[in-house]
Amino acid sequence: MKFPEEWDIFGAVPIYADLKHKVVLLTGGANGIGAASVRLFREQGARVYFCDRDRAAGQALEKELPGTNFSLVDLTREKEILRWVESVKTAEGKIHVLVNNAAIDPRIPLSDLTAEKVDALFAINLRPFFILARACAPLMPPGESAMINLSSITFHIAPAEMCAYVATKAAIIGFTRSLARELGSAGIRVNTVSPGWTMTERQLREYVTAATRKLIRKSQCTPDPIQPQEIGEVILFLASDASRAVTGQEILADRGWAHS
């Protein structure tokens, strides 16, 4: 069976008229799923503000896509996060969509899992979600706004040597469920997207091997490798009014990966 590094995306992306001119904040937007999402939101006519720690890739994407705005932000520093949100508030006055995407996924055996490594992982993968939700919620118009948090299939399949990473992704699902209840009265929807193994450039470079390909074929209901744009399309749907009845949910975008 053919298993290319790049796979054609099936079908056209729907047009969500309500996303035109909406203000979108997205973390980790310079590469992978984040960059695919930036492109998709911009194609919908949204005004996209994205941050990343990869200055070169972020600036290149901003140049490629007029109407997007890149900021170099260290998400482990609360002051930098709040300064970024304040700059968007000054420019736009409101925020309609928050996509918490940025994360790292190191493989760390339990025997090497020091307190410092755990703290560093939570400082990137989880803490910014809380800070950004708190900062953005007062700027989000009722009935027009959504938060999308990126978790991972790893919460369900529990791979070895990733227990701290999986813990951060499990926490994101709990965070989403509780926050959806808390912000529901303010007309803000909150959902989680948990991608399956997605063929980002970094995954292809560092982790996708012949054994990985075999595992994907065996585990997914359909064998096609998941591309970043496909996850971006799920994020787009959850940001749009087409999903207005959906909140507090985890959407598994994993091609039916067998979790047992």
C-alpha atoms as a PDB file:
ATOM      1  CA  MET A   1       0.000   0.000   0.000  1.00  0.00           C
ATOM      2  CA  LYS A   2       1.314   3.413  -0.916  1.00  0.00           C
ATOM      3  CA  PHE A   3       2.377   5.494   2.102  1.00  0.00           C
ATOM      4  CA  PRO A   4       3.801   8.835   0.884  1.00  0.00           C
ATOM      5  CA  GLU A   5       5.508  11.435   3.006  1.00  0.00           C
ATOM      6  CA  GLU A   6       2.994  13.951   1.726  1.00  0.00           C
ATOM      7  CA  TRP A   7      -0.643  13.051   1.122  1.00  0.00           C
ATOM      8  CA  ASP A   8      -3.234  14.855  -0.961  1.00  0.00           C
ATOM      9  CA  ILE A   9      -5.924  16.565   1.094  1.00  0.00           C
ATOM     10  CA  PHE A  10      -9.330  15.232   0.118  1.00  0.00           C
ATOM     11  CA  GLY A  11     -11.992  17.725  -0.929  1.00  0.00           C
ATOM     12  CA  ALA A  12     -12.335  21.477  -0.627  1.00  0.00           C
ATOM     13  CA  VAL A  13     -12.283  23.318   2.706  1.00  0.00           C
ATOM     14  CA  PRO A  14     -15.750  24.679   3.594  1.00  0.00           C
ATOM     15  CA  ILE A  15     -16.252  28.424   3.771  1.00  0.00           C
ATOM     16  CA  TYR A  16     -17.394  29.554   7.217  1.00  0.00           C
ATOM     17  CA  ALA A  17     -18.787  33.021   6.554  1.00  0.00           C
ATOM     18  CA  ASP A  18     -18.898  33.874  10.256  1.00  0.00           C
ATOM     19  CA  LEU A  19     -15.083  33.607  10.518  1.00  0.00           C
ATOM     20  CA  LYS A  20     -14.501  36.474   8.088  1.00  0.00           C
ATOM     21  CA  HIS A  21     -12.883  39.417   9.909  1.00  0.00           C
ATOM     22  CA  LYS A  22     -12.851  37.547  13.243  1.00  0.00           C
ATOM     23  CA  VAL A  23      -9.765  37.985  15.412  1.00  0.00           C
ATOM     24  CA  VAL A  24      -7.880  34.742  16.052  1.00  0.00           C
ATOM     25  CA  LEU A  25      -5.026  34.146  18.514  1.00  0.00           C
ATOM     26  CA  LEU A  26      -2.971  30.997  18.028  1.00  0.00           C
ATOM     27  CA  THR A  27       0.111  29.722  19.831  1.00  0.00           C
ATOM     28  CA  GLY A  28       2.842  27.682  18.171  1.00  0.00           C
ATOM     29  CA  GLY A  29       1.779  28.964  14.768  1.00  0.00           C
ATOM     30  CA  ALA A  30       5.049  28.915  12.847  1.00  0.00           C
ATOM     31  CA  ASN A  31       5.199  25.206  12.026  1.00  0.00           C
ATOM     32  CA  GLY A  32       3.165  22.010  11.778  1.00  0.00           C
ATOM     33  CA  ILE A  33      -0.491  22.009  12.823  1.00  0.00           C
ATOM     34  CA  GLY A  34      -0.194  25.608  13.975  1.00  0.00           C
ATOM     35  CA  ALA A  35       1.054  26.895  10.620  1.00  0.00           C
ATOM     36  CA  ALA A  36      -1.596  24.900   8.757  1.00  0.00           C
ATOM     37  CA  SER A  37      -4.235  26.467  10.999  1.00  0.00           C
ATOM     38  CA  VAL A  38      -2.890  29.977  10.443  1.00  0.00           C
ATOM     39  CA  ARG A  39      -3.209  29.454   6.686  1.00  0.00           C
ATOM     40  CA  LEU A  40      -6.739  28.072   6.977  1.00  0.00           C
ATOM     41  CA  PHE A  41      -7.993  30.891   9.186  1.00  0.00           C
ATOM     42  CA  ARG A  42      -6.456  33.460   6.867  1.00  0.00           C
ATOM     43  CA  GLU A  43      -8.131  31.818   3.865  1.00  0.00           C
ATOM     44  CA  GLN A  44     -11.429  32.327   5.704  1.00  0.00           C
ATOM     45  CA  GLY A  45     -10.699  36.050   5.931  1.00  0.00           C
ATOM     46  CA  ALA A  46      -9.915  36.047   9.652  1.00  0.00           C
ATOM     47  CA  ARG A  47      -7.393  38.390  11.207  1.00  0.00           C
ATOM     48  CA  VAL A  48      -4.774  36.044  12.630  1.00  0.00           C
ATOM     49  CA  TYR A  49      -2.290  36.783  15.398  1.00  0.00           C
ATOM     50  CA  PHE A  50       0.121  33.948  16.092  1.00  0.00           C
ATOM     51  CA  CYS A  51       3.148  33.457  18.261  1.00  0.00           C
ATOM     52  CA  ASP A  52       6.049  31.051  18.297  1.00  0.00           C
ATOM     53  CA  ARG A  53       9.605  30.767  19.559  1.00  0.00           C
ATOM     54  CA  ASP A  54      10.830  30.054  16.000  1.00  0.00           C
ATOM     55  CA  ARG A  55      11.499  33.590  14.799  1.00  0.00           C
ATOM     56  CA  ALA A  56      12.612  32.711  11.266  1.00  0.00           C
ATOM     57  CA  ALA A  57       9.649  30.446  10.491  1.00  0.00           C
ATOM     58  CA  GLY A  58       7.187  32.856  12.068  1.00  0.00           C
ATOM     59  CA  GLN A  59       8.443  35.836  10.118  1.00  0.00           C
ATOM     60  CA  ALA A  60       8.461  33.820   6.887  1.00  0.00           C
ATOM     61  CA  LEU A  61       4.820  32.784   7.387  1.00  0.00           C
ATOM     62  CA  GLU A  62       3.790  36.340   8.238  1.00  0.00           C
ATOM     63  CA  LYS A  63       5.420  37.544   5.024  1.00  0.00           C
ATOM     64  CA  GLU A  64       3.748  34.785   3.027  1.00  0.00           C
ATOM     65  CA  LEU A  65       0.284  35.566   4.409  1.00  0.00           C
ATOM     66  CA  PRO A  66      -0.633  39.276   4.465  1.00  0.00           C
ATOM     67  CA  GLY A  67      -3.204  39.896   7.173  1.00  0.00           C
ATOM     68  CA  THR A  68      -1.407  37.695   9.701  1.00  0.00           C
ATOM     69  CA  ASN A  69       0.687  39.042  12.557  1.00  0.00           C
ATOM     70  CA  PHE A  70       3.590  37.154  14.117  1.00  0.00           C
ATOM     71  CA  SER A  71       5.017  37.757  17.586  1.00  0.00           C
ATOM     72  CA  LEU A  72       8.014  36.128  19.204  1.00  0.00           C
ATOM     73  CA  VAL A  73       6.670  35.028  22.598  1.00  0.00           C
ATOM     74  CA  ASP A  74       8.216  32.884  25.315  1.00  0.00           C
ATOM     75  CA  LEU A  75       5.153  31.058  26.649  1.00  0.00           C
ATOM     76  CA  THR A  76       6.952  30.185  29.870  1.00  0.00           C
ATOM     77  CA  ARG A  77       6.928  33.901  30.771  1.00  0.00           C
ATOM     78  CA  GLU A  78       3.556  35.239  31.895  1.00  0.00           C
ATOM     79  CA  LYS A  79       4.517  38.859  31.268  1.00  0.00           C
ATOM     80  CA  GLU A  80       5.321  38.131  27.627  1.00  0.00           C
ATOM     81  CA  ILE A  81       1.986  36.344  27.153  1.00  0.00           C
ATOM     82  CA  LEU A  82       0.035  39.192  28.712  1.00  0.00           C
ATOM     83  CA  ARG A  83       1.960  41.772  26.695  1.00  0.00           C
ATOM     84  CA  TRP A  84       1.053  39.893  23.509  1.00  0.00           C
ATOM     85  CA  VAL A  85      -2.650  39.762  24.392  1.00  0.00           C
ATOM     86  CA  GLU A  86      -2.618  43.448  25.328  1.00  0.00           C
ATOM     87  CA  SER A  87      -1.091  44.341  21.962  1.00  0.00           C
ATOM     88  CA  VAL A  88      -3.917  42.502  20.189  1.00  0.00           C
ATOM     89  CA  LYS A  89      -6.475  44.221  22.406  1.00  0.00           C
ATOM     90  CA  THR A  90      -4.985  47.591  21.474  1.00  0.00           C
ATOM     91  CA  ALA A  91      -5.058  46.752  17.756  1.00  0.00           C
ATOM     92  CA  GLU A  92      -8.448  45.020  17.580  1.00  0.00           C
ATOM     93  CA  GLY A  93     -10.418  45.685  20.754  1.00  0.00           C
ATOM     94  CA  LYS A  94     -11.689  42.103  20.907  1.00  0.00           C
ATOM     95  CA  ILE A  95     -10.706  38.474  20.386  1.00  0.00           C
ATOM     96  CA  HIS A  96     -13.074  35.865  18.942  1.00  0.00           C
ATOM     97  CA  VAL A  97     -10.986  32.695  18.806  1.00  0.00           C
ATOM     98  CA  LEU A  98      -8.172  31.375  20.988  1.00  0.00           C
ATOM     99  CA  VAL A  99      -6.259  28.295  19.832  1.00  0.00           C
ATOM    100  CA  ASN A 100      -3.901  26.888  22.463  1.00  0.00           C
ATOM    101  CA  ASN A 101      -1.642  24.756  20.287  1.00  0.00           C
ATOM    102  CA  ALA A 102       2.005  25.131  21.317  1.00  0.00           C
ATOM    103  CA  ALA A 103       3.605  22.116  23.000  1.00  0.00           C
ATOM    104  CA  ILE A 104       6.708  19.962  23.187  1.00  0.00           C
ATOM    105  CA  ASP A 105       6.683  16.149  23.298  1.00  0.00           C
ATOM    106  CA  PRO A 106       9.982  14.845  24.682  1.00  0.00           C
ATOM    107  CA  ARG A 107      10.542  11.155  25.312  1.00  0.00           C
ATOM    108  CA  ILE A 108      11.733  10.931  28.930  1.00  0.00           C
ATOM    109  CA  PRO A 109      11.988   7.627  30.856  1.00  0.00           C
ATOM    110  CA  LEU A 110      10.667   7.751  34.410  1.00  0.00           C
ATOM    111  CA  SER A 111      14.179   7.214  35.752  1.00  0.00           C
ATOM    112  CA  ASP A 112      15.295  10.477  34.124  1.00  0.00           C
ATOM    113  CA  LEU A 113      12.203  12.499  35.030  1.00  0.00           C
ATOM    114  CA  THR A 114      13.553  15.140  37.391  1.00  0.00           C
ATOM    115  CA  ALA A 115      11.403  17.800  39.040  1.00  0.00           C
ATOM    116  CA  GLU A 116      13.024  20.375  36.788  1.00  0.00           C
ATOM    117  CA  LYS A 117      12.060  18.461  33.643  1.00  0.00           C
ATOM    118  CA  VAL A 118       8.475  18.012  34.842  1.00  0.00           C
ATOM    119  CA  ASP A 119       8.153  21.696  35.724  1.00  0.00           C
ATOM    120  CA  ALA A 120       9.604  22.753  32.370  1.00  0.00           C
ATOM    121  CA  LEU A 121       7.169  20.527  30.485  1.00  0.00           C
ATOM    122  CA  PHE A 122       4.106  21.787  32.358  1.00  0.00           C
ATOM    123  CA  ALA A 123       5.326  25.376  31.940  1.00  0.00           C
ATOM    124  CA  ILE A 124       5.090  25.030  28.162  1.00  0.00           C
ATOM    125  CA  ASN A 125       2.349  22.457  27.585  1.00  0.00           C
ATOM    126  CA  LEU A 126      -0.240  23.514  30.156  1.00  0.00           C
ATOM    127  CA  ARG A 127       0.355  26.718  32.110  1.00  0.00           C
ATOM    128  CA  PRO A 128      -0.009  29.051  29.083  1.00  0.00           C
ATOM    129  CA  PHE A 129      -3.493  27.595  28.442  1.00  0.00           C
ATOM    130  CA  PHE A 130      -4.644  28.957  31.811  1.00  0.00           C
ATOM    131  CA  ILE A 131      -2.942  32.327  31.375  1.00  0.00           C
ATOM    132  CA  LEU A 132      -4.289  32.878  27.864  1.00  0.00           C
ATOM    133  CA  ALA A 133      -7.818  31.761  28.740  1.00  0.00           C
ATOM    134  CA  ARG A 134      -7.872  34.147  31.684  1.00  0.00           C
ATOM    135  CA  ALA A 135      -6.506  37.035  29.626  1.00  0.00           C
ATOM    136  CA  CYS A 136      -8.664  36.475  26.535  1.00  0.00           C
ATOM    137  CA  ALA A 137     -12.047  35.611  28.061  1.00  0.00           C
ATOM    138  CA  PRO A 138     -12.958  39.220  29.011  1.00  0.00           C
ATOM    139  CA  LEU A 139     -12.242  40.283  25.410  1.00  0.00           C
ATOM    140  CA  MET A 140     -14.410  37.589  23.779  1.00  0.00           C
ATOM    141  CA  PRO A 141     -17.886  38.660  22.556  1.00  0.00           C
ATOM    142  CA  PRO A 142     -20.699  36.437  23.906  1.00  0.00           C
ATOM    143  CA  GLY A 143     -22.162  34.012  21.422  1.00  0.00           C
ATOM    144  CA  GLU A 144     -19.405  34.634  18.880  1.00  0.00           C
ATOM    145  CA  SER A 145     -16.351  33.196  20.563  1.00  0.00           C
ATOM    146  CA  ALA A 146     -14.555  29.898  21.022  1.00  0.00           C
ATOM    147  CA  MET A 147     -11.455  28.443  22.621  1.00  0.00           C
ATOM    148  CA  ILE A 148      -9.819  25.348  21.136  1.00  0.00           C
ATOM    149  CA  ASN A 149      -7.218  23.465  23.170  1.00  0.00           C
ATOM    150  CA  LEU A 150      -4.890  20.908  21.580  1.00  0.00           C
ATOM    151  CA  SER A 151      -4.447  17.670  23.503  1.00  0.00           C
ATOM    152  CA  SER A 152      -3.231  14.387  21.992  1.00  0.00           C
ATOM    153  CA  ILE A 153      -4.150  10.814  21.151  1.00  0.00           C
ATOM    154  CA  THR A 154      -1.363   9.835  23.563  1.00  0.00           C
ATOM    155  CA  PHE A 155      -3.760  10.341  26.475  1.00  0.00           C
ATOM    156  CA  HIS A 156      -5.721   7.359  25.140  1.00  0.00           C
ATOM    157  CA  ILE A 157      -2.902   5.092  23.941  1.00  0.00           C
ATOM    158  CA  ALA A 158      -0.468   5.803  26.827  1.00  0.00           C
ATOM    159  CA  PRO A 159       2.946   5.333  25.173  1.00  0.00           C
ATOM    160  CA  ALA A 160       5.956   4.474  27.325  1.00  0.00           C
ATOM    161  CA  GLU A 161       8.552   7.082  28.276  1.00  0.00           C
ATOM    162  CA  MET A 162       6.054   9.926  27.820  1.00  0.00           C
ATOM    163  CA  CYS A 163       4.214   9.884  31.162  1.00  0.00           C
ATOM    164  CA  ALA A 164       4.872  13.556  31.946  1.00  0.00           C
ATOM    165  CA  TYR A 165       3.841  14.644  28.457  1.00  0.00           C
ATOM    166  CA  VAL A 166       0.703  12.488  28.611  1.00  0.00           C
ATOM    167  CA  ALA A 167      -0.101  13.998  32.011  1.00  0.00           C
ATOM    168  CA  THR A 168      -0.078  17.489  30.480  1.00  0.00           C
ATOM    169  CA  LYS A 169      -2.396  16.328  27.692  1.00  0.00           C
ATOM    170  CA  ALA A 170      -4.765  14.649  30.149  1.00  0.00           C
ATOM    171  CA  ALA A 171      -4.888  17.866  32.156  1.00  0.00           C
ATOM    172  CA  ILE A 172      -5.872  19.810  29.039  1.00  0.00           C
ATOM    173  CA  ILE A 173      -8.960  17.626  28.599  1.00  0.00           C
ATOM    174  CA  GLY A 174      -9.994  18.229  32.212  1.00  0.00           C
ATOM    175  CA  PHE A 175      -9.251  21.932  31.884  1.00  0.00           C
ATOM    176  CA  THR A 176     -11.461  22.131  28.801  1.00  0.00           C
ATOM    177  CA  ARG A 177     -14.423  20.395  30.410  1.00  0.00           C
ATOM    178  CA  SER A 178     -14.413  22.583  33.499  1.00  0.00           C
ATOM    179  CA  LEU A 179     -13.715  25.812  31.628  1.00  0.00           C
ATOM    180  CA  ALA A 180     -16.570  25.139  29.191  1.00  0.00           C
ATOM    181  CA  ARG A 181     -18.916  25.076  32.192  1.00  0.00           C
ATOM    182  CA  GLU A 182     -17.394  28.217  33.713  1.00  0.00           C
ATOM    183  CA  LEU A 183     -17.446  30.271  30.504  1.00  0.00           C
ATOM    184  CA  GLY A 184     -20.696  28.917  29.112  1.00  0.00           C
ATOM    185  CA  SER A 185     -22.773  31.640  30.756  1.00  0.00           C
ATOM    186  CA  ALA A 186     -20.543  34.188  29.006  1.00  0.00           C
ATOM    187  CA  GLY A 187     -21.375  32.634  25.632  1.00  0.00           C
ATOM    188  CA  ILE A 188     -17.880  31.230  25.076  1.00  0.00           C
ATOM    189  CA  ARG A 189     -17.459  27.651  23.833  1.00  0.00           C
ATOM    190  CA  VAL A 190     -14.419  25.575  24.824  1.00  0.00           C
ATOM    191  CA  ASN A 191     -13.362  22.322  23.150  1.00  0.00           C
ATOM    192  CA  THR A 192     -10.361  20.025  22.816  1.00  0.00           C
ATOM    193  CA  VAL A 193      -8.886  18.539  19.639  1.00  0.00           C
ATOM    194  CA  SER A 194      -6.767  15.421  20.171  1.00  0.00           C
ATOM    195  CA  PRO A 195      -4.849  14.674  16.961  1.00  0.00           C
ATOM    196  CA  GLY A 196      -3.618  11.258  15.988  1.00  0.00           C
ATOM    197  CA  TRP A 197      -0.082  10.813  14.691  1.00  0.00           C
ATOM    198  CA  THR A 198       0.204  13.798  12.363  1.00  0.00           C
ATOM    199  CA  MET A 199       2.804  14.080   9.634  1.00  0.00           C
ATOM    200  CA  THR A 200       4.367  17.404  10.521  1.00  0.00           C
ATOM    201  CA  GLU A 201       7.840  18.149   9.233  1.00  0.00           C
ATOM    202  CA  ARG A 202       9.332  17.540  12.670  1.00  0.00           C
ATOM    203  CA  GLN A 203       7.541  14.227  13.149  1.00  0.00           C
ATOM    204  CA  LEU A 204       8.708  13.073   9.727  1.00  0.00           C
ATOM    205  CA  ARG A 205      12.238  14.176  10.488  1.00  0.00           C
ATOM    206  CA  GLU A 206      12.565  12.823  14.040  1.00  0.00           C
ATOM    207  CA  TYR A 207      10.070  10.052  14.719  1.00  0.00           C
ATOM    208  CA  VAL A 208       8.393   8.601  11.626  1.00  0.00           C
ATOM    209  CA  THR A 209      10.196   5.379  10.775  1.00  0.00           C
ATOM    210  CA  ALA A 210       9.281   2.227   8.873  1.00  0.00           C
ATOM    211  CA  ALA A 211       8.011   0.794  12.176  1.00  0.00           C
ATOM    212  CA  THR A 212       5.893   3.910  12.713  1.00  0.00           C
ATOM    213  CA  ARG A 213       4.315   3.531   9.302  1.00  0.00           C
ATOM    214  CA  LYS A 214       3.486  -0.086  10.038  1.00  0.00           C
ATOM    215  CA  LEU A 215       1.931   0.890  13.372  1.00  0.00           C
ATOM    216  CA  ILE A 216      -0.204   3.570  11.711  1.00  0.00           C
ATOM    217  CA  ARG A 217      -1.503   1.139   9.090  1.00  0.00           C
ATOM    218  CA  LYS A 218      -2.364  -1.371  11.795  1.00  0.00           C
ATOM    219  CA  SER A 219      -3.924   1.038  14.295  1.00  0.00           C
ATOM    220  CA  GLN A 220      -5.982   3.483  12.222  1.00  0.00           C
ATOM    221  CA  CYS A 221      -9.339   2.457  10.734  1.00  0.00           C
ATOM    222  CA  THR A 222      -8.191   4.047   7.490  1.00  0.00           C
ATOM    223  CA  PRO A 223      -4.460   3.924   6.753  1.00  0.00           C
ATOM    224  CA  ASP A 224      -3.912   7.355   5.196  1.00  0.00           C
ATOM    225  CA  PRO A 225      -1.365   9.354   7.219  1.00  0.00           C
ATOM    226  CA  ILE A 226      -2.913  12.410   8.888  1.00  0.00           C
ATOM    227  CA  GLN A 227      -1.712  15.729   7.494  1.00  0.00           C
ATOM    228  CA  PRO A 228      -1.477  18.985   9.501  1.00  0.00           C
ATOM    229  CA  GLN A 229      -4.128  20.688   7.362  1.00  0.00           C
ATOM    230  CA  GLU A 230      -6.651  18.016   8.305  1.00  0.00           C
ATOM    231  CA  ILE A 231      -6.239  18.825  11.996  1.00  0.00           C
ATOM    232  CA  GLY A 232      -6.435  22.514  11.110  1.00  0.00           C
ATOM    233  CA  GLU A 233      -9.778  21.874   9.425  1.00  0.00           C
ATOM    234  CA  VAL A 234     -11.149  20.369  12.650  1.00  0.00           C
ATOM    235  CA  ILE A 235      -9.919  23.426  14.558  1.00  0.00           C
ATOM    236  CA  LEU A 236     -11.573  25.656  11.955  1.00  0.00           C
ATOM    237  CA  PHE A 237     -14.894  23.848  12.389  1.00  0.00           C
ATOM    238  CA  LEU A 238     -14.788  24.208  16.189  1.00  0.00           C
ATOM    239  CA  ALA A 239     -14.046  27.919  15.843  1.00  0.00           C
ATOM    240  CA  SER A 240     -17.001  28.468  13.524  1.00  0.00           C
ATOM    241  CA  ASP A 241     -20.732  28.785  14.139  1.00  0.00           C
ATOM    242  CA  ALA A 242     -21.157  25.403  12.444  1.00  0.00           C
ATOM    243  CA  SER A 243     -20.167  23.866  15.798  1.00  0.00           C
ATOM    244  CA  ARG A 244     -22.263  26.198  17.961  1.00  0.00           C
ATOM    245  CA  ALA A 245     -23.913  23.219  19.729  1.00  0.00           C
ATOM    246  CA  VAL A 246     -20.534  21.709  20.653  1.00  0.00           C
ATOM    247  CA  THR A 247     -18.743  22.667  23.870  1.00  0.00           C
ATOM    248  CA  GLY A 248     -16.872  20.890  26.637  1.00  0.00           C
ATOM    249  CA  GLN A 249     -15.949  18.082  24.248  1.00  0.00           C
ATOM    250  CA  GLU A 250     -12.844  16.239  23.140  1.00  0.00           C
ATOM    251  CA  ILE A 251     -12.742  15.614  19.392  1.00  0.00           C
ATOM    252  CA  LEU A 252     -10.476  12.703  18.488  1.00  0.00           C
ATOM    253  CA  ALA A 253      -9.028  13.398  15.048  1.00  0.00           C
ATOM    254  CA  ASP A 254      -7.125  10.136  14.766  1.00  0.00           C
ATOM    255  CA  ARG A 255      -8.730   8.158  11.920  1.00  0.00           C
ATOM    256  CA  GLY A 256     -10.243   5.777  14.447  1.00  0.00           C
ATOM    257  CA  TRP A 257      -7.007   4.693  16.111  1.00  0.00           C
ATOM    258  CA  ALA A 258      -7.506   1.520  18.180  1.00  0.00           C
ATOM    259  CA  HIS A 259      -7.033   2.627  21.780  1.00  0.00           C
ATOM    260  CA  SER A 260      -6.990  -0.771  23.460  1.00  0.00           C
END
